[in-house]
């Protein structure tokens, strides 16, 4: 069987995530410690014992989700399932940093610092309330693009996440996104709902954050990944460190091409996809994109044990 590992993005966070892994596996605990040390603060205490409100703040959620994913990967590796056992790795939005760290293109410490910077820059790029995001269910990418273009009326409104055949997320100015939500029902959408996010990610309004990330990434060492990483921006594998750097900057304002990324891995012969870390959102998307691909989750010691069979 050909396998891929995928890493979740924002929205998967829960208080207590990864704690059982850290208690069961010294290698997993070491990942959380490395992230705490890199940030100079006990993020693990917030993850395991803090409030969901604090954990959901973008600057916290991004490194926290990466730490949990890398702890799960460390547990798998401790049980003899290395990242090299995968044909590809990929991550949704911030999950791309988790994928790169898992594939040893980026150190865990650098990934933590970059995601703290990324979360802070994305939050600062647009004042709270100015931007919004919404999920449009039941329309394909082209229909949503047309809807967003019509709703824009001179403002920013664009497809931000092409998640699966029936779920596209739009992002932009709050008024334009609101217009798109109102219009969507008349275009055949099953549902259109505003998302509880603090900023309009993956659209042109994030340009200041892209500039900040270009600067942050410029001082970080990147190596060629030991497993090809499927880029959000191109939906194709990337291995060249300088290309990875460029694409991580482009990812801030560019759409997450998740549907195409999963389809590309399936088309390249992947028969099973494991979601590594918190939540099960990506697993649901994979099932809707590639029905012949088997899906598994690895977020607890029990999940790790189940993968050893």
C-alpha atoms as a PDB file:
ATOM      1  CA  UNK A   1       0.000   0.000   0.000  1.00  0.00           C
ATOM      2  CA  UNK A   2       1.166   3.511  -0.775  1.00  0.00           C
ATOM      3  CA  UNK A   3       0.593   5.903   2.116  1.00  0.00           C
ATOM      4  CA  UNK A   4       0.479   9.660   2.663  1.00  0.00           C
ATOM      5  CA  UNK A   5       0.513  11.612   5.919  1.00  0.00           C
ATOM      6  CA  UNK A   6      -1.592  14.784   6.130  1.00  0.00           C
ATOM      7  CA  UNK A   7      -1.569  17.462   8.829  1.00  0.00           C
ATOM      8  CA  UNK A   8      -4.580  19.545   9.951  1.00  0.00           C
ATOM      9  CA  UNK A   9      -5.036  23.299   9.958  1.00  0.00           C
ATOM     10  CA  UNK A  10      -6.757  25.822  12.191  1.00  0.00           C
ATOM     11  CA  UNK A  11     -10.091  24.842  13.699  1.00  0.00           C
ATOM     12  CA  UNK A  12      -8.941  21.378  14.833  1.00  0.00           C
ATOM     13  CA  UNK A  13      -7.676  22.632  18.212  1.00  0.00           C
ATOM     14  CA  UNK A  14      -9.088  21.256  21.467  1.00  0.00           C
ATOM     15  CA  UNK A  15      -7.891  21.725  25.041  1.00  0.00           C
ATOM     16  CA  UNK A  16      -5.968  18.610  26.087  1.00  0.00           C
ATOM     17  CA  UNK A  17      -4.896  17.580  22.571  1.00  0.00           C
ATOM     18  CA  UNK A  18      -1.665  15.600  22.498  1.00  0.00           C
ATOM     19  CA  UNK A  19      -1.452  15.210  26.270  1.00  0.00           C
ATOM     20  CA  UNK A  20      -1.975  11.433  26.255  1.00  0.00           C
ATOM     21  CA  UNK A  21       0.711  11.114  23.569  1.00  0.00           C
ATOM     22  CA  UNK A  22       3.154  13.136  25.683  1.00  0.00           C
ATOM     23  CA  UNK A  23       2.418  10.944  28.703  1.00  0.00           C
ATOM     24  CA  UNK A  24       2.836   7.709  26.731  1.00  0.00           C
ATOM     25  CA  UNK A  25       5.847   8.607  24.572  1.00  0.00           C
ATOM     26  CA  UNK A  26       8.995  10.466  25.696  1.00  0.00           C
ATOM     27  CA  UNK A  27       9.600  11.419  22.045  1.00  0.00           C
ATOM     28  CA  UNK A  28       6.184  13.104  21.895  1.00  0.00           C
ATOM     29  CA  UNK A  29       6.786  14.944  25.177  1.00  0.00           C
ATOM     30  CA  UNK A  30      10.134  16.131  23.775  1.00  0.00           C
ATOM     31  CA  UNK A  31       8.318  17.784  20.835  1.00  0.00           C
ATOM     32  CA  UNK A  32       6.130  19.849  23.182  1.00  0.00           C
ATOM     33  CA  UNK A  33       9.212  20.777  25.223  1.00  0.00           C
ATOM     34  CA  UNK A  34      11.061  21.862  22.077  1.00  0.00           C
ATOM     35  CA  UNK A  35       8.127  24.105  21.105  1.00  0.00           C
ATOM     36  CA  UNK A  36       7.942  25.580  24.639  1.00  0.00           C
ATOM     37  CA  UNK A  37      11.683  26.295  24.549  1.00  0.00           C
ATOM     38  CA  UNK A  38      11.511  27.813  21.051  1.00  0.00           C
ATOM     39  CA  UNK A  39       8.724  30.195  22.061  1.00  0.00           C
ATOM     40  CA  UNK A  40      10.139  30.922  25.521  1.00  0.00           C
ATOM     41  CA  UNK A  41       6.802  30.149  27.158  1.00  0.00           C
ATOM     42  CA  UNK A  42       4.867  27.055  28.341  1.00  0.00           C
ATOM     43  CA  UNK A  43       2.558  26.689  25.329  1.00  0.00           C
ATOM     44  CA  UNK A  44       2.031  23.036  26.335  1.00  0.00           C
ATOM     45  CA  UNK A  45       0.369  24.195  29.575  1.00  0.00           C
ATOM     46  CA  UNK A  46      -2.054  26.323  27.529  1.00  0.00           C
ATOM     47  CA  UNK A  47      -2.742  23.382  25.185  1.00  0.00           C
ATOM     48  CA  UNK A  48      -3.464  20.959  28.006  1.00  0.00           C
ATOM     49  CA  UNK A  49      -4.955  23.135  30.738  1.00  0.00           C
ATOM     50  CA  UNK A  50      -5.793  26.536  29.251  1.00  0.00           C
ATOM     51  CA  UNK A  51      -9.045  28.007  27.971  1.00  0.00           C
ATOM     52  CA  UNK A  52     -10.310  27.224  24.494  1.00  0.00           C
ATOM     53  CA  UNK A  53     -10.594  30.990  23.905  1.00  0.00           C
ATOM     54  CA  UNK A  54      -6.853  31.485  24.486  1.00  0.00           C
ATOM     55  CA  UNK A  55      -5.931  28.347  22.558  1.00  0.00           C
ATOM     56  CA  UNK A  56      -8.039  29.488  19.586  1.00  0.00           C
ATOM     57  CA  UNK A  57      -6.172  32.794  19.252  1.00  0.00           C
ATOM     58  CA  UNK A  58      -4.399  32.466  15.909  1.00  0.00           C
ATOM     59  CA  UNK A  59      -0.922  33.114  17.329  1.00  0.00           C
ATOM     60  CA  UNK A  60      -1.427  30.224  19.795  1.00  0.00           C
ATOM     61  CA  UNK A  61      -3.487  27.817  17.703  1.00  0.00           C
ATOM     62  CA  UNK A  62      -0.975  27.643  14.856  1.00  0.00           C
ATOM     63  CA  UNK A  63       2.105  26.474  16.830  1.00  0.00           C
ATOM     64  CA  UNK A  64      -0.127  24.390  19.138  1.00  0.00           C
ATOM     65  CA  UNK A  65      -1.589  22.367  16.278  1.00  0.00           C
ATOM     66  CA  UNK A  66       1.862  21.886  14.762  1.00  0.00           C
ATOM     67  CA  UNK A  67       3.228  20.672  18.130  1.00  0.00           C
ATOM     68  CA  UNK A  68       0.386  18.158  18.463  1.00  0.00           C
ATOM     69  CA  UNK A  69       0.885  16.851  14.923  1.00  0.00           C
ATOM     70  CA  UNK A  70       4.647  16.484  15.378  1.00  0.00           C
ATOM     71  CA  UNK A  71       4.120  14.745  18.735  1.00  0.00           C
ATOM     72  CA  UNK A  72       1.862  12.209  16.994  1.00  0.00           C
ATOM     73  CA  UNK A  73       4.479  11.766  14.271  1.00  0.00           C
ATOM     74  CA  UNK A  74       7.157  11.244  16.935  1.00  0.00           C
ATOM     75  CA  UNK A  75       5.009   8.535  18.544  1.00  0.00           C
ATOM     76  CA  UNK A  76       4.641   6.762  15.189  1.00  0.00           C
ATOM     77  CA  UNK A  77       8.387   6.969  14.598  1.00  0.00           C
ATOM     78  CA  UNK A  78       9.024   5.564  18.087  1.00  0.00           C
ATOM     79  CA  UNK A  79       6.919   2.559  17.058  1.00  0.00           C
ATOM     80  CA  UNK A  80       8.901   2.028  13.878  1.00  0.00           C
ATOM     81  CA  UNK A  81       6.735   3.927  11.384  1.00  0.00           C
ATOM     82  CA  UNK A  82       9.023   6.694  10.084  1.00  0.00           C
ATOM     83  CA  UNK A  83       7.912   9.599   7.929  1.00  0.00           C
ATOM     84  CA  UNK A  84       9.898   7.970   5.115  1.00  0.00           C
ATOM     85  CA  UNK A  85       7.250   5.211   5.032  1.00  0.00           C
ATOM     86  CA  UNK A  86       4.989   7.752   3.289  1.00  0.00           C
ATOM     87  CA  UNK A  87       5.105   8.536  -0.429  1.00  0.00           C
ATOM     88  CA  UNK A  88       3.957  12.123   0.252  1.00  0.00           C
ATOM     89  CA  UNK A  89       3.166  14.499   3.086  1.00  0.00           C
ATOM     90  CA  UNK A  90       0.808  17.476   2.901  1.00  0.00           C
ATOM     91  CA  UNK A  91      -0.830  19.896   5.301  1.00  0.00           C
ATOM     92  CA  UNK A  92      -3.846  22.204   5.224  1.00  0.00           C
ATOM     93  CA  UNK A  93      -2.718  25.844   5.531  1.00  0.00           C
ATOM     94  CA  UNK A  94      -0.616  25.974   8.741  1.00  0.00           C
ATOM     95  CA  UNK A  95      -0.483  22.158   8.450  1.00  0.00           C
ATOM     96  CA  UNK A  96       1.985  22.622   5.600  1.00  0.00           C
ATOM     97  CA  UNK A  97       4.529  23.748   8.224  1.00  0.00           C
ATOM     98  CA  UNK A  98       3.780  20.573  10.201  1.00  0.00           C
ATOM     99  CA  UNK A  99       4.320  18.535   7.028  1.00  0.00           C
ATOM    100  CA  UNK A 100       7.628  20.278   6.324  1.00  0.00           C
ATOM    101  CA  UNK A 101       8.845  19.733   9.891  1.00  0.00           C
ATOM    102  CA  UNK A 102       7.763  16.073   9.779  1.00  0.00           C
ATOM    103  CA  UNK A 103       9.690  15.695   6.515  1.00  0.00           C
ATOM    104  CA  UNK A 104      12.752  17.278   8.152  1.00  0.00           C
ATOM    105  CA  UNK A 105      12.827  20.280   5.808  1.00  0.00           C
ATOM    106  CA  UNK A 106      12.345  22.564   8.820  1.00  0.00           C
ATOM    107  CA  UNK A 107      13.258  22.131  12.484  1.00  0.00           C
ATOM    108  CA  UNK A 108      10.439  21.882  15.031  1.00  0.00           C
ATOM    109  CA  UNK A 109      11.810  24.972  16.811  1.00  0.00           C
ATOM    110  CA  UNK A 110      11.872  27.011  13.588  1.00  0.00           C
ATOM    111  CA  UNK A 111       8.373  25.794  12.667  1.00  0.00           C
ATOM    112  CA  UNK A 112       7.093  26.941  16.077  1.00  0.00           C
ATOM    113  CA  UNK A 113       8.664  30.386  15.773  1.00  0.00           C
ATOM    114  CA  UNK A 114       7.486  30.789  12.165  1.00  0.00           C
ATOM    115  CA  UNK A 115       3.917  29.816  13.058  1.00  0.00           C
ATOM    116  CA  UNK A 116       3.875  32.212  16.012  1.00  0.00           C
ATOM    117  CA  UNK A 117       5.052  34.946  13.617  1.00  0.00           C
ATOM    118  CA  UNK A 118       2.570  33.814  10.958  1.00  0.00           C
ATOM    119  CA  UNK A 119      -0.361  33.806  13.366  1.00  0.00           C
ATOM    120  CA  UNK A 120       0.570  37.212  14.758  1.00  0.00           C
ATOM    121  CA  UNK A 121       1.069  38.705  11.274  1.00  0.00           C
ATOM    122  CA  UNK A 122      -2.200  37.278   9.931  1.00  0.00           C
ATOM    123  CA  UNK A 123      -4.109  38.666  12.915  1.00  0.00           C
ATOM    124  CA  UNK A 124      -2.466  42.087  12.564  1.00  0.00           C
ATOM    125  CA  UNK A 125      -2.994  42.336   8.794  1.00  0.00           C
ATOM    126  CA  UNK A 126      -6.699  43.169   9.040  1.00  0.00           C
ATOM    127  CA  UNK A 127      -8.518  44.851  11.969  1.00  0.00           C
ATOM    128  CA  UNK A 128     -11.009  42.566  13.722  1.00  0.00           C
ATOM    129  CA  UNK A 129     -14.419  42.881  12.097  1.00  0.00           C
ATOM    130  CA  UNK A 130     -13.153  44.165   8.746  1.00  0.00           C
ATOM    131  CA  UNK A 131     -12.724  40.720   7.220  1.00  0.00           C
ATOM    132  CA  UNK A 132     -14.668  37.463   7.278  1.00  0.00           C
ATOM    133  CA  UNK A 133     -14.695  33.917   5.933  1.00  0.00           C
ATOM    134  CA  UNK A 134     -17.628  31.681   5.013  1.00  0.00           C
ATOM    135  CA  UNK A 135     -18.080  28.079   3.960  1.00  0.00           C
ATOM    136  CA  UNK A 136     -20.194  27.499   0.857  1.00  0.00           C
ATOM    137  CA  UNK A 137     -21.536  23.935   0.799  1.00  0.00           C
ATOM    138  CA  UNK A 138     -22.942  22.212  -2.270  1.00  0.00           C
ATOM    139  CA  UNK A 139     -21.302  24.334  -4.985  1.00  0.00           C
ATOM    140  CA  UNK A 140     -18.075  23.535  -6.840  1.00  0.00           C
ATOM    141  CA  UNK A 141     -15.046  25.791  -7.134  1.00  0.00           C
ATOM    142  CA  UNK A 142     -16.031  27.471 -10.418  1.00  0.00           C
ATOM    143  CA  UNK A 143     -19.528  28.293  -9.157  1.00  0.00           C
ATOM    144  CA  UNK A 144     -18.116  29.748  -5.937  1.00  0.00           C
ATOM    145  CA  UNK A 145     -15.529  31.805  -7.834  1.00  0.00           C
ATOM    146  CA  UNK A 146     -18.303  33.305  -9.956  1.00  0.00           C
ATOM    147  CA  UNK A 147     -20.393  33.995  -6.855  1.00  0.00           C
ATOM    148  CA  UNK A 148     -17.469  35.651  -5.041  1.00  0.00           C
ATOM    149  CA  UNK A 149     -16.626  37.829  -8.041  1.00  0.00           C
ATOM    150  CA  UNK A 150     -20.214  39.065  -8.250  1.00  0.00           C
ATOM    151  CA  UNK A 151     -20.463  39.688  -4.495  1.00  0.00           C
ATOM    152  CA  UNK A 152     -17.170  41.614  -4.357  1.00  0.00           C
ATOM    153  CA  UNK A 153     -18.555  44.897  -5.744  1.00  0.00           C
ATOM    154  CA  UNK A 154     -15.090  46.457  -5.670  1.00  0.00           C
ATOM    155  CA  UNK A 155     -14.076  44.799  -2.402  1.00  0.00           C
ATOM    156  CA  UNK A 156     -12.064  41.605  -1.855  1.00  0.00           C
ATOM    157  CA  UNK A 157     -14.044  38.359  -1.985  1.00  0.00           C
ATOM    158  CA  UNK A 158     -12.311  35.208  -3.219  1.00  0.00           C
ATOM    159  CA  UNK A 159     -12.194  31.433  -2.920  1.00  0.00           C
ATOM    160  CA  UNK A 160      -9.711  30.758  -0.111  1.00  0.00           C
ATOM    161  CA  UNK A 161      -9.920  27.002   0.517  1.00  0.00           C
ATOM    162  CA  UNK A 162     -10.996  24.499  -2.138  1.00  0.00           C
ATOM    163  CA  UNK A 163     -11.558  21.802   0.485  1.00  0.00           C
ATOM    164  CA  UNK A 164     -13.520  19.085  -1.320  1.00  0.00           C
ATOM    165  CA  UNK A 165     -16.030  18.740  -4.174  1.00  0.00           C
ATOM    166  CA  UNK A 166     -18.842  20.256  -2.113  1.00  0.00           C
ATOM    167  CA  UNK A 167     -17.084  22.658   0.245  1.00  0.00           C
ATOM    168  CA  UNK A 168     -15.341  25.868  -0.778  1.00  0.00           C
ATOM    169  CA  UNK A 169     -14.439  28.575   1.754  1.00  0.00           C
ATOM    170  CA  UNK A 170     -14.468  32.232   0.713  1.00  0.00           C
ATOM    171  CA  UNK A 171     -12.545  35.072   2.323  1.00  0.00           C
ATOM    172  CA  UNK A 172     -12.423  38.857   2.074  1.00  0.00           C
ATOM    173  CA  UNK A 173     -14.113  42.025   3.295  1.00  0.00           C
ATOM    174  CA  UNK A 174     -16.911  41.231   5.758  1.00  0.00           C
ATOM    175  CA  UNK A 175     -19.560  43.069   3.714  1.00  0.00           C
ATOM    176  CA  UNK A 176     -18.627  41.242   0.497  1.00  0.00           C
ATOM    177  CA  UNK A 177     -18.521  37.850   2.202  1.00  0.00           C
ATOM    178  CA  UNK A 178     -21.916  38.627   3.759  1.00  0.00           C
ATOM    179  CA  UNK A 179     -23.335  39.442   0.320  1.00  0.00           C
ATOM    180  CA  UNK A 180     -21.969  36.148  -1.041  1.00  0.00           C
ATOM    181  CA  UNK A 181     -23.589  34.203   1.805  1.00  0.00           C
ATOM    182  CA  UNK A 182     -26.963  35.830   1.047  1.00  0.00           C
ATOM    183  CA  UNK A 183     -26.622  35.156  -2.679  1.00  0.00           C
ATOM    184  CA  UNK A 184     -25.412  31.552  -2.311  1.00  0.00           C
ATOM    185  CA  UNK A 185     -28.807  30.067  -1.461  1.00  0.00           C
ATOM    186  CA  UNK A 186     -30.259  31.332  -4.710  1.00  0.00           C
ATOM    187  CA  UNK A 187     -27.369  29.739  -6.623  1.00  0.00           C
ATOM    188  CA  UNK A 188     -28.118  26.220  -5.397  1.00  0.00           C
ATOM    189  CA  UNK A 189     -25.840  26.076  -2.358  1.00  0.00           C
ATOM    190  CA  UNK A 190     -27.031  23.640   0.310  1.00  0.00           C
ATOM    191  CA  UNK A 191     -25.712  25.911   3.041  1.00  0.00           C
ATOM    192  CA  UNK A 192     -23.629  29.055   3.378  1.00  0.00           C
ATOM    193  CA  UNK A 193     -22.327  29.946   6.822  1.00  0.00           C
ATOM    194  CA  UNK A 194     -19.946  32.486   8.270  1.00  0.00           C
ATOM    195  CA  UNK A 195     -16.965  30.867  10.033  1.00  0.00           C
ATOM    196  CA  UNK A 196     -15.834  31.757  13.572  1.00  0.00           C
ATOM    197  CA  UNK A 197     -12.398  33.026  12.524  1.00  0.00           C
ATOM    198  CA  UNK A 198     -10.571  36.140  13.603  1.00  0.00           C
ATOM    199  CA  UNK A 199      -9.220  37.208  10.201  1.00  0.00           C
ATOM    200  CA  UNK A 200      -9.834  36.687   6.453  1.00  0.00           C
ATOM    201  CA  UNK A 201      -7.107  34.144   5.654  1.00  0.00           C
ATOM    202  CA  UNK A 202      -5.823  33.208   2.182  1.00  0.00           C
ATOM    203  CA  UNK A 203      -6.934  36.293   0.281  1.00  0.00           C
ATOM    204  CA  UNK A 204      -5.418  39.564  -0.939  1.00  0.00           C
ATOM    205  CA  UNK A 205      -6.157  41.281   2.402  1.00  0.00           C
ATOM    206  CA  UNK A 206      -3.337  39.162   3.889  1.00  0.00           C
ATOM    207  CA  UNK A 207      -0.655  40.950   1.808  1.00  0.00           C
ATOM    208  CA  UNK A 208       0.928  42.624   4.896  1.00  0.00           C
ATOM    209  CA  UNK A 209       1.236  39.190   6.521  1.00  0.00           C
ATOM    210  CA  UNK A 210       2.897  37.808   3.383  1.00  0.00           C
ATOM    211  CA  UNK A 211       5.517  40.571   3.611  1.00  0.00           C
ATOM    212  CA  UNK A 212       6.136  39.750   7.263  1.00  0.00           C
ATOM    213  CA  UNK A 213       6.491  36.040   6.464  1.00  0.00           C
ATOM    214  CA  UNK A 214       8.905  36.709   3.602  1.00  0.00           C
ATOM    215  CA  UNK A 215      11.131  38.444   6.140  1.00  0.00           C
ATOM    216  CA  UNK A 216      10.717  35.707   8.790  1.00  0.00           C
ATOM    217  CA  UNK A 217      11.355  32.897   6.316  1.00  0.00           C
ATOM    218  CA  UNK A 218      14.398  34.657   4.931  1.00  0.00           C
ATOM    219  CA  UNK A 219      16.391  33.954   8.087  1.00  0.00           C
ATOM    220  CA  UNK A 220      15.379  30.275   8.508  1.00  0.00           C
ATOM    221  CA  UNK A 221      17.341  27.268   7.284  1.00  0.00           C
ATOM    222  CA  UNK A 222      15.348  24.990   4.973  1.00  0.00           C
ATOM    223  CA  UNK A 223      16.535  21.586   3.759  1.00  0.00           C
ATOM    224  CA  UNK A 224      15.202  19.327   1.031  1.00  0.00           C
ATOM    225  CA  UNK A 225      12.395  17.249   2.601  1.00  0.00           C
ATOM    226  CA  UNK A 226      13.027  13.505   3.001  1.00  0.00           C
ATOM    227  CA  UNK A 227       9.516  12.916   1.572  1.00  0.00           C
ATOM    228  CA  UNK A 228       7.947  15.093  -1.174  1.00  0.00           C
ATOM    229  CA  UNK A 229       5.663  17.780   0.266  1.00  0.00           C
ATOM    230  CA  UNK A 230       2.523  18.599  -1.730  1.00  0.00           C
ATOM    231  CA  UNK A 231       2.210  22.399  -1.765  1.00  0.00           C
ATOM    232  CA  UNK A 232      -1.081  24.151  -0.979  1.00  0.00           C
ATOM    233  CA  UNK A 233      -0.355  26.731  -3.694  1.00  0.00           C
ATOM    234  CA  UNK A 234       0.472  24.388  -6.585  1.00  0.00           C
ATOM    235  CA  UNK A 235      -1.206  21.109  -5.481  1.00  0.00           C
ATOM    236  CA  UNK A 236       2.034  19.445  -6.637  1.00  0.00           C
ATOM    237  CA  UNK A 237       5.058  17.964  -4.849  1.00  0.00           C
ATOM    238  CA  UNK A 238       7.907  20.329  -4.035  1.00  0.00           C
ATOM    239  CA  UNK A 239      11.407  19.444  -2.829  1.00  0.00           C
ATOM    240  CA  UNK A 240      13.616  22.451  -3.605  1.00  0.00           C
ATOM    241  CA  UNK A 241      14.191  24.516  -0.429  1.00  0.00           C
ATOM    242  CA  UNK A 242      14.084  27.882  -2.196  1.00  0.00           C
ATOM    243  CA  UNK A 243      10.863  26.946  -3.985  1.00  0.00           C
ATOM    244  CA  UNK A 244       9.394  25.855  -0.629  1.00  0.00           C
ATOM    245  CA  UNK A 245      10.324  29.245   0.846  1.00  0.00           C
ATOM    246  CA  UNK A 246       8.674  31.106  -2.043  1.00  0.00           C
ATOM    247  CA  UNK A 247       5.513  28.997  -1.867  1.00  0.00           C
ATOM    248  CA  UNK A 248       5.126  29.484   1.902  1.00  0.00           C
ATOM    249  CA  UNK A 249       5.014  33.238   1.291  1.00  0.00           C
ATOM    250  CA  UNK A 250       2.574  32.843  -1.616  1.00  0.00           C
ATOM    251  CA  UNK A 251       0.388  30.580   0.553  1.00  0.00           C
ATOM    252  CA  UNK A 252      -0.540  33.498   2.853  1.00  0.00           C
ATOM    253  CA  UNK A 253      -2.582  35.254   0.158  1.00  0.00           C
ATOM    254  CA  UNK A 254      -3.151  32.245  -2.120  1.00  0.00           C
ATOM    255  CA  UNK A 255      -5.917  29.669  -2.027  1.00  0.00           C
ATOM    256  CA  UNK A 256      -5.429  26.293  -0.327  1.00  0.00           C
ATOM    257  CA  UNK A 257      -5.876  23.795  -3.156  1.00  0.00           C
ATOM    258  CA  UNK A 258      -6.711  20.848  -0.882  1.00  0.00           C
ATOM    259  CA  UNK A 259      -9.114  19.010  -3.205  1.00  0.00           C
ATOM    260  CA  UNK A 260      -6.531  18.998  -5.987  1.00  0.00           C
ATOM    261  CA  UNK A 261      -3.727  18.057  -3.571  1.00  0.00           C
ATOM    262  CA  UNK A 262      -5.546  14.937  -2.349  1.00  0.00           C
ATOM    263  CA  UNK A 263      -6.593  14.040  -5.892  1.00  0.00           C
ATOM    264  CA  UNK A 264      -2.966  14.389  -7.032  1.00  0.00           C
ATOM    265  CA  UNK A 265      -1.741  12.027  -4.297  1.00  0.00           C
ATOM    266  CA  UNK A 266      -4.468   9.500  -5.115  1.00  0.00           C
ATOM    267  CA  UNK A 267      -3.608   9.829  -8.798  1.00  0.00           C
ATOM    268  CA  UNK A 268       0.029   9.079  -7.985  1.00  0.00           C
ATOM    269  CA  UNK A 269      -0.963   5.773  -6.430  1.00  0.00           C
ATOM    270  CA  UNK A 270      -1.633   6.647  -2.773  1.00  0.00           C
ATOM    271  CA  UNK A 271      -4.130   4.132  -1.354  1.00  0.00           C
ATOM    272  CA  UNK A 272      -4.230   5.219   2.306  1.00  0.00           C
ATOM    273  CA  UNK A 273      -4.044   8.625   3.985  1.00  0.00           C
ATOM    274  CA  UNK A 274      -3.364   9.097   7.685  1.00  0.00           C
ATOM    275  CA  UNK A 275      -4.397  12.370   9.349  1.00  0.00           C
ATOM    276  CA  UNK A 276      -1.689  13.135  11.915  1.00  0.00           C
ATOM    277  CA  UNK A 277      -2.662  15.275  14.925  1.00  0.00           C
ATOM    278  CA  UNK A 278      -5.851  16.860  16.240  1.00  0.00           C
ATOM    279  CA  UNK A 279      -9.340  16.453  14.813  1.00  0.00           C
ATOM    280  CA  UNK A 280     -10.781  14.587  11.858  1.00  0.00           C
ATOM    281  CA  UNK A 281     -11.691  17.383   9.436  1.00  0.00           C
ATOM    282  CA  UNK A 282      -9.200  16.363   6.749  1.00  0.00           C
ATOM    283  CA  UNK A 283     -10.307  12.722   6.903  1.00  0.00           C
ATOM    284  CA  UNK A 284     -13.846  13.754   5.999  1.00  0.00           C
ATOM    285  CA  UNK A 285     -12.557  15.821   3.094  1.00  0.00           C
ATOM    286  CA  UNK A 286     -10.378  12.955   1.834  1.00  0.00           C
ATOM    287  CA  UNK A 287     -13.382  10.598   1.839  1.00  0.00           C
ATOM    288  CA  UNK A 288     -15.334  13.068  -0.318  1.00  0.00           C
ATOM    289  CA  UNK A 289     -12.419  13.648  -2.717  1.00  0.00           C
ATOM    290  CA  UNK A 290     -10.955  10.150  -3.179  1.00  0.00           C
ATOM    291  CA  UNK A 291     -13.528   7.498  -2.303  1.00  0.00           C
ATOM    292  CA  UNK A 292     -11.143   4.590  -2.971  1.00  0.00           C
ATOM    293  CA  UNK A 293      -8.505   5.840  -0.518  1.00  0.00           C
ATOM    294  CA  UNK A 294      -8.690   4.447   3.015  1.00  0.00           C
ATOM    295  CA  UNK A 295      -8.433   6.968   5.848  1.00  0.00           C
ATOM    296  CA  UNK A 296      -7.080   6.742   9.400  1.00  0.00           C
ATOM    297  CA  UNK A 297      -6.495   9.192  12.253  1.00  0.00           C
ATOM    298  CA  UNK A 298      -3.448   9.355  14.507  1.00  0.00           C
ATOM    299  CA  UNK A 299      -4.036  11.648  17.482  1.00  0.00           C
ATOM    300  CA  UNK A 300      -3.903   9.393  20.557  1.00  0.00           C
ATOM    301  CA  UNK A 301      -1.806   6.457  21.830  1.00  0.00           C
ATOM    302  CA  UNK A 302      -4.762   4.200  20.946  1.00  0.00           C
ATOM    303  CA  UNK A 303      -4.661   5.486  17.358  1.00  0.00           C
ATOM    304  CA  UNK A 304      -0.920   4.774  17.196  1.00  0.00           C
ATOM    305  CA  UNK A 305      -1.501   1.225  18.458  1.00  0.00           C
ATOM    306  CA  UNK A 306      -4.228   0.701  15.854  1.00  0.00           C
ATOM    307  CA  UNK A 307      -1.809   1.634  13.076  1.00  0.00           C
ATOM    308  CA  UNK A 308       0.680  -1.042  14.154  1.00  0.00           C
ATOM    309  CA  UNK A 309      -1.662  -3.931  13.324  1.00  0.00           C
END
